[in-house]
Amino acid sequence: MLHAFIHHAAFGSWDAAISESAKVLGGFLLGLPHTATYFGQQFFSCGPMWYLVALMLAWVLLDVLLEIFPERYITPAVVGVTLLGWGVTLVWEAPFCIAQGMVSLPYLYIGYLAKKRRLFETPLSGRARAGLIASALGVVAGVLLTQSTDCVSLGEWTMGPLSILLDGAVGYGIIRLFLKWQRRVDGPISHAIEWVGRRSLFIFCIHTVELTAIPWYLMAAKYADHPVQGMLLQFVFSLVSIFAVTELLMRRKELGRKLRGGKPADKPRQRSRPTSCGRWPRTARM
């Protein structure tokens, strides 16, 4: 509704506002990771929310594989599902982020193995360190050779399944570097990163809503003659609104107590339990 009202206020046409808002709503209902056309009707992507949809599907797939297969067959099963998801991206723009969830499965599996085997806490061997460096160089080489980058939402990988594997290895290496840096450095930068990390889910969801509900392309059209100014204004307004709403959500309990006059919320009453000798305490009988 917000999108429709803002679009109408900008262009003055309810027909166009409803038509464009229907594309946005359809993208949300279908969970589209990018703009797609079904049966001749165009639908916009659901914004950054596609990431959570794909992540949810990947978690479900990983849980199913861990429940069904013995441990020695889990890795081949993960590889098979990943290859199937990559194949889907070649022939069909699947809704509900099906292909993206299948391709994201190996990344969650790497995290599962890292936690199970304490890979983030144990030092790397020389062979493992060389493998991570080779993976990073492989990603760079793929970008330079193909003149393009991998994009999960669009289902594009410069070197096919090899790029999926290399991206996972590079991601694991980046996390190790960040954890190592965090253990050694304690300053405003690390605290700022921690601050954002603790609020990351709120920031993500708020960003999804504001990016979809507010037609930012109107600002791009208004500042067509001054694109840099338009980009800066959009960035500042978006950043301030996201962090402001995030802080309101993080402090909602404190704000609620202040609105109630500083009175703490009523705690639920607990039933008295009998003592070890089987008798009820004296306060319970009074």
Protein backbone atom coordinates (compact mmCIF):
# COMPACT_ATOMS: atom_id res chain seq x y z
CA MET A 1 0.00 0.00 0.00
CA LEU A 2 2.84 2.38 0.83
CA HIS A 3 4.39 1.70 -2.57
CA ALA A 4 1.08 2.42 -4.32
CA PHE A 5 0.51 5.70 -2.45
CA ILE A 6 4.04 6.96 -3.10
CA HIS A 7 3.84 5.98 -6.77
CA HIS A 8 0.50 7.75 -7.14
CA ALA A 9 1.82 10.86 -5.39
CA ALA A 10 4.73 10.97 -7.83
CA PHE A 11 2.92 10.20 -11.11
CA GLY A 12 -0.73 10.93 -10.33
CA SER A 13 -2.12 7.72 -11.85
CA TRP A 14 -3.85 5.08 -9.74
CA ASP A 15 -3.84 2.58 -12.62
CA ALA A 16 -0.05 2.76 -12.96
CA ALA A 17 0.41 2.73 -9.18
CA ILE A 18 -1.73 -0.39 -8.75
CA SER A 19 -0.07 -2.12 -11.70
CA GLU A 20 3.46 -1.49 -10.40
CA SER A 21 2.51 -2.38 -6.84
CA ALA A 22 0.98 -5.65 -8.07
CA LYS A 23 4.34 -6.56 -9.59
CA VAL A 24 5.99 -5.90 -6.25
CA LEU A 25 3.38 -7.92 -4.36
CA GLY A 26 3.65 -10.79 -6.84
CA GLY A 27 7.40 -10.91 -6.40
CA PHE A 28 6.96 -11.13 -2.64
CA LEU A 29 4.38 -13.92 -2.87
CA LEU A 30 6.50 -15.90 -5.33
CA GLY A 31 9.73 -15.26 -3.44
CA LEU A 32 11.56 -14.20 -6.59
CA PRO A 33 15.30 -13.57 -6.24
CA HIS A 34 15.24 -11.36 -9.33
CA THR A 35 12.75 -9.82 -11.74
CA ALA A 36 11.10 -12.56 -13.81
CA THR A 37 8.23 -13.07 -16.22
CA TYR A 38 5.59 -15.80 -15.83
CA PHE A 39 2.84 -16.31 -18.41
CA GLY A 40 3.59 -12.94 -19.96
CA GLN A 41 3.32 -11.06 -16.65
CA GLN A 42 6.38 -9.39 -15.18
CA PHE A 43 7.04 -9.58 -11.44
CA PHE A 44 9.71 -7.76 -9.49
CA SER A 45 12.08 -9.47 -7.09
CA CYS A 46 11.24 -9.67 -3.41
CA GLY A 47 14.34 -7.61 -2.64
CA PRO A 48 17.05 -8.78 -0.24
CA MET A 49 14.49 -11.05 1.42
CA TRP A 50 15.30 -13.70 -1.20
CA TYR A 51 18.40 -14.42 0.86
CA LEU A 52 16.37 -15.52 3.88
CA VAL A 53 14.08 -17.64 1.70
CA ALA A 54 17.06 -19.40 0.10
CA LEU A 55 18.75 -19.78 3.48
CA MET A 56 15.63 -21.34 5.00
CA LEU A 57 15.35 -23.81 2.12
CA ALA A 58 19.05 -24.68 2.40
CA TRP A 59 18.70 -25.34 6.15
CA VAL A 60 15.71 -27.62 5.51
CA LEU A 61 17.64 -29.53 2.84
CA LEU A 62 20.68 -29.94 5.07
CA ASP A 63 18.54 -31.15 7.97
CA VAL A 64 16.81 -33.68 5.72
CA LEU A 65 20.11 -34.99 4.36
CA LEU A 66 21.58 -35.32 7.87
CA GLU A 67 18.53 -37.28 8.97
CA ILE A 68 18.30 -39.59 5.96
CA PHE A 69 21.86 -40.43 4.93
CA PRO A 70 24.65 -42.05 6.93
CA GLU A 71 27.59 -39.76 7.58
CA ARG A 72 29.75 -41.19 4.81
CA TYR A 73 27.09 -40.41 2.19
CA ILE A 74 26.26 -36.86 3.27
CA THR A 75 29.02 -35.18 1.28
CA PRO A 76 28.05 -36.89 -2.02
CA ALA A 77 24.41 -36.05 -1.34
CA VAL A 78 25.27 -32.38 -0.79
CA VAL A 79 27.25 -32.34 -4.04
CA GLY A 80 24.37 -33.97 -5.90
CA VAL A 81 21.78 -31.49 -4.63
CA THR A 82 24.10 -28.59 -5.47
CA LEU A 83 24.63 -29.81 -9.03
CA LEU A 84 20.88 -30.28 -9.44
CA GLY A 85 20.27 -26.71 -8.24
CA TRP A 86 22.88 -25.37 -10.64
CA GLY A 87 21.20 -27.28 -13.47
CA VAL A 88 17.84 -25.75 -12.57
CA THR A 89 19.29 -22.25 -13.00
CA LEU A 90 20.28 -23.14 -16.57
CA VAL A 91 16.80 -24.14 -17.74
CA TRP A 92 14.22 -22.47 -15.47
CA GLU A 93 13.70 -19.36 -13.38
CA ALA A 94 12.29 -21.26 -10.42
CA PRO A 95 10.14 -19.33 -7.90
CA PHE A 96 10.53 -19.46 -4.11
CA CYS A 97 14.35 -19.36 -4.50
CA ILE A 98 14.41 -23.13 -5.04
CA ALA A 99 17.59 -23.17 -7.11
CA GLN A 100 19.31 -20.59 -4.88
CA GLY A 101 18.53 -22.66 -1.79
CA MET A 102 19.91 -25.82 -3.38
CA VAL A 103 23.11 -24.08 -4.45
CA SER A 104 23.54 -22.52 -0.98
CA LEU A 105 23.48 -25.96 0.63
CA PRO A 106 27.27 -26.56 0.47
CA TYR A 107 27.97 -23.29 2.29
CA LEU A 108 25.83 -24.37 5.24
CA TYR A 109 27.43 -27.80 5.10
CA ILE A 110 30.88 -26.19 5.36
CA GLY A 111 29.66 -24.31 8.43
CA TYR A 112 28.27 -27.53 9.88
CA LEU A 113 31.61 -29.29 9.41
CA ALA A 114 33.52 -26.29 10.77
CA LYS A 115 31.48 -26.32 13.98
CA LYS A 116 31.53 -30.10 14.36
CA ARG A 117 35.29 -30.43 13.82
CA ARG A 118 36.21 -27.06 15.40
CA LEU A 119 37.83 -25.89 12.20
CA PHE A 120 37.71 -22.23 13.25
CA GLU A 121 39.67 -22.99 16.43
CA THR A 122 42.36 -25.33 15.12
CA PRO A 123 45.36 -23.93 13.21
CA LEU A 124 45.50 -24.47 9.47
CA SER A 125 47.99 -26.85 7.97
CA GLY A 126 50.29 -25.64 5.22
CA ARG A 127 48.29 -27.60 2.63
CA ALA A 128 44.97 -26.11 3.79
CA ARG A 129 46.40 -22.57 3.79
CA ALA A 130 47.72 -23.10 0.25
CA GLY A 131 44.31 -24.42 -0.81
CA LEU A 132 42.52 -21.31 0.49
CA ILE A 133 45.00 -19.03 -1.28
CA ALA A 134 44.59 -21.02 -4.50
CA SER A 135 40.80 -20.73 -4.17
CA ALA A 136 41.03 -16.94 -3.83
CA LEU A 137 43.30 -16.74 -6.87
CA GLY A 138 40.90 -18.99 -8.76
CA VAL A 139 37.99 -16.62 -8.07
CA VAL A 140 40.06 -13.66 -9.28
CA ALA A 141 41.11 -15.57 -12.39
CA GLY A 142 37.50 -16.45 -13.16
CA VAL A 143 36.47 -12.81 -12.94
CA LEU A 144 39.31 -11.66 -15.17
CA LEU A 145 38.80 -14.38 -17.78
CA THR A 146 35.01 -14.08 -18.03
CA GLN A 147 34.71 -10.34 -17.30
CA SER A 148 31.82 -11.09 -14.95
CA THR A 149 31.20 -12.04 -11.34
CA ASP A 150 29.20 -14.76 -9.63
CA CYS A 151 25.65 -13.82 -8.65
CA VAL A 152 23.59 -16.22 -6.56
CA SER A 153 20.32 -14.31 -6.96
CA LEU A 154 20.61 -14.40 -10.76
CA GLY A 155 21.88 -17.98 -10.73
CA GLU A 156 25.10 -17.07 -12.54
CA TRP A 157 28.54 -18.56 -11.83
CA THR A 158 31.51 -17.73 -14.02
CA MET A 159 32.95 -21.25 -13.93
CA GLY A 160 29.86 -23.28 -13.10
CA PRO A 161 30.06 -25.70 -10.15
CA LEU A 162 33.76 -24.91 -9.73
CA SER A 163 32.87 -21.32 -8.87
CA ILE A 164 30.38 -22.54 -6.26
CA LEU A 165 33.12 -24.58 -4.58
CA LEU A 166 35.68 -21.78 -4.76
CA ASP A 167 33.23 -19.24 -3.32
CA GLY A 168 32.63 -21.52 -0.34
CA ALA A 169 36.35 -21.96 0.31
CA VAL A 170 36.97 -18.20 0.05
CA GLY A 171 34.08 -17.50 2.42
CA TYR A 172 35.54 -19.92 4.96
CA GLY A 173 38.93 -18.22 4.65
CA ILE A 174 37.43 -14.75 5.13
CA ILE A 175 35.63 -15.86 8.30
CA ARG A 176 38.87 -17.29 9.68
CA LEU A 177 40.70 -14.04 8.96
CA PHE A 178 37.97 -11.97 10.61
CA LEU A 179 37.91 -14.15 13.74
CA LYS A 180 41.69 -13.97 13.98
CA TRP A 181 41.63 -10.20 13.61
CA GLN A 182 38.82 -9.87 16.16
CA ARG A 183 40.79 -11.79 18.78
CA ARG A 184 43.80 -9.49 18.41
CA VAL A 185 42.15 -6.10 17.88
CA ASP A 186 39.82 -4.41 20.35
CA GLY A 187 38.87 -0.92 19.24
CA PRO A 188 36.09 1.23 17.82
CA ILE A 189 36.14 -0.54 14.45
CA SER A 190 35.70 -4.01 15.94
CA HIS A 191 33.02 -2.69 18.31
CA ALA A 192 31.18 -1.10 15.38
CA ILE A 193 31.26 -4.40 13.49
CA GLU A 194 29.95 -6.21 16.57
CA TRP A 195 27.20 -3.58 16.93
CA VAL A 196 26.06 -4.18 13.36
CA GLY A 197 26.37 -7.95 13.76
CA ARG A 198 24.09 -8.07 16.80
CA ARG A 199 21.47 -6.10 14.88
CA SER A 200 22.04 -7.71 11.49
CA LEU A 201 18.68 -9.51 11.29
CA PHE A 202 16.76 -6.33 12.15
CA ILE A 203 18.81 -4.32 9.65
CA PHE A 204 18.28 -6.93 6.96
CA CYS A 205 14.50 -7.09 7.39
CA ILE A 206 14.08 -3.32 7.65
CA HIS A 207 16.23 -2.79 4.57
CA THR A 208 14.09 -5.28 2.65
CA VAL A 209 10.88 -3.49 3.58
CA GLU A 210 12.12 0.02 2.83
CA LEU A 211 13.79 -1.03 -0.41
CA THR A 212 10.59 -2.63 -1.68
CA ALA A 213 7.97 -0.29 -0.21
CA ILE A 214 9.70 2.94 -1.25
CA PRO A 215 10.13 3.36 -5.02
CA TRP A 216 13.68 4.70 -4.97
CA TYR A 217 13.73 4.90 -8.76
CA LEU A 218 11.65 8.05 -8.39
CA MET A 219 14.63 9.76 -6.77
CA ALA A 220 16.87 8.51 -9.58
CA ALA A 221 14.50 10.09 -12.10
CA LYS A 222 14.30 13.34 -10.15
CA TYR A 223 18.08 13.69 -9.90
CA ALA A 224 18.86 12.46 -13.40
CA ASP A 225 20.90 15.60 -14.04
CA HIS A 226 22.81 15.20 -10.75
CA PRO A 227 23.17 11.41 -10.24
CA VAL A 228 25.87 11.65 -7.58
CA GLN A 229 23.74 13.98 -5.47
CA GLY A 230 20.75 11.67 -5.87
CA MET A 231 22.78 8.60 -4.88
CA LEU A 232 24.17 10.33 -1.79
CA LEU A 233 20.74 11.53 -0.68
CA GLN A 234 19.25 8.07 -1.14
CA PHE A 235 22.12 6.47 0.76
CA VAL A 236 21.92 8.90 3.67
CA PHE A 237 18.13 8.73 3.96
CA SER A 238 18.11 4.94 3.72
CA LEU A 239 20.95 4.51 6.22
CA VAL A 240 19.45 6.90 8.78
CA SER A 241 15.97 5.37 8.52
CA ILE A 242 17.30 1.80 8.83
CA PHE A 243 19.39 2.46 11.92
CA ALA A 244 16.66 4.60 13.51
CA VAL A 245 14.02 1.88 13.16
CA THR A 246 16.57 -0.73 14.25
CA GLU A 247 17.27 1.14 17.48
CA LEU A 248 13.53 1.51 18.11
CA LEU A 249 13.11 -2.26 17.78
CA MET A 250 16.15 -2.99 19.96
CA ARG A 251 14.88 -0.62 22.69
CA ARG A 252 11.20 -1.47 22.39
CA LYS A 253 11.01 -2.99 25.89
CA GLU A 254 12.71 0.01 27.46
CA LEU A 255 10.46 2.40 25.57
CA GLY A 256 7.42 0.36 26.61
CA ARG A 257 8.36 0.68 30.28
CA LYS A 258 8.79 4.44 29.91
CA LEU A 259 5.38 4.74 28.27
CA ARG A 260 3.87 2.80 31.16
CA GLY A 261 5.37 5.28 33.60
CA GLY A 262 8.44 3.29 34.50
CA LYS A 263 6.50 0.35 35.92
CA PRO A 264 8.04 -3.04 35.16
CA ALA A 265 5.97 -5.59 33.36
CA ASP A 266 3.95 -7.94 35.55
CA LYS A 267 5.69 -11.24 36.08
CA PRO A 268 3.65 -14.42 35.74
CA ARG A 269 2.82 -16.05 39.05
CA GLN A 270 4.57 -19.33 39.79
CA ARG A 271 2.85 -22.17 41.58
CA SER A 272 4.44 -23.32 44.81
CA ARG A 273 6.03 -26.74 44.75
CA PRO A 274 6.12 -29.23 47.61
CA THR A 275 9.31 -29.52 49.63
CA SER A 276 11.53 -32.54 49.53
CA CYS A 277 9.60 -34.10 52.42
CA GLY A 278 6.37 -33.93 50.46
CA ARG A 279 4.79 -31.06 52.41
CA TRP A 280 3.80 -27.72 50.97
CA PRO A 281 5.80 -24.74 52.33
CA ARG A 282 4.24 -22.70 55.09
CA THR A 283 3.65 -19.70 52.83
CA ALA A 284 1.61 -21.84 50.47
CA ARG A 285 -0.81 -22.89 53.25
CA MET A 286 -1.34 -19.42 54.68
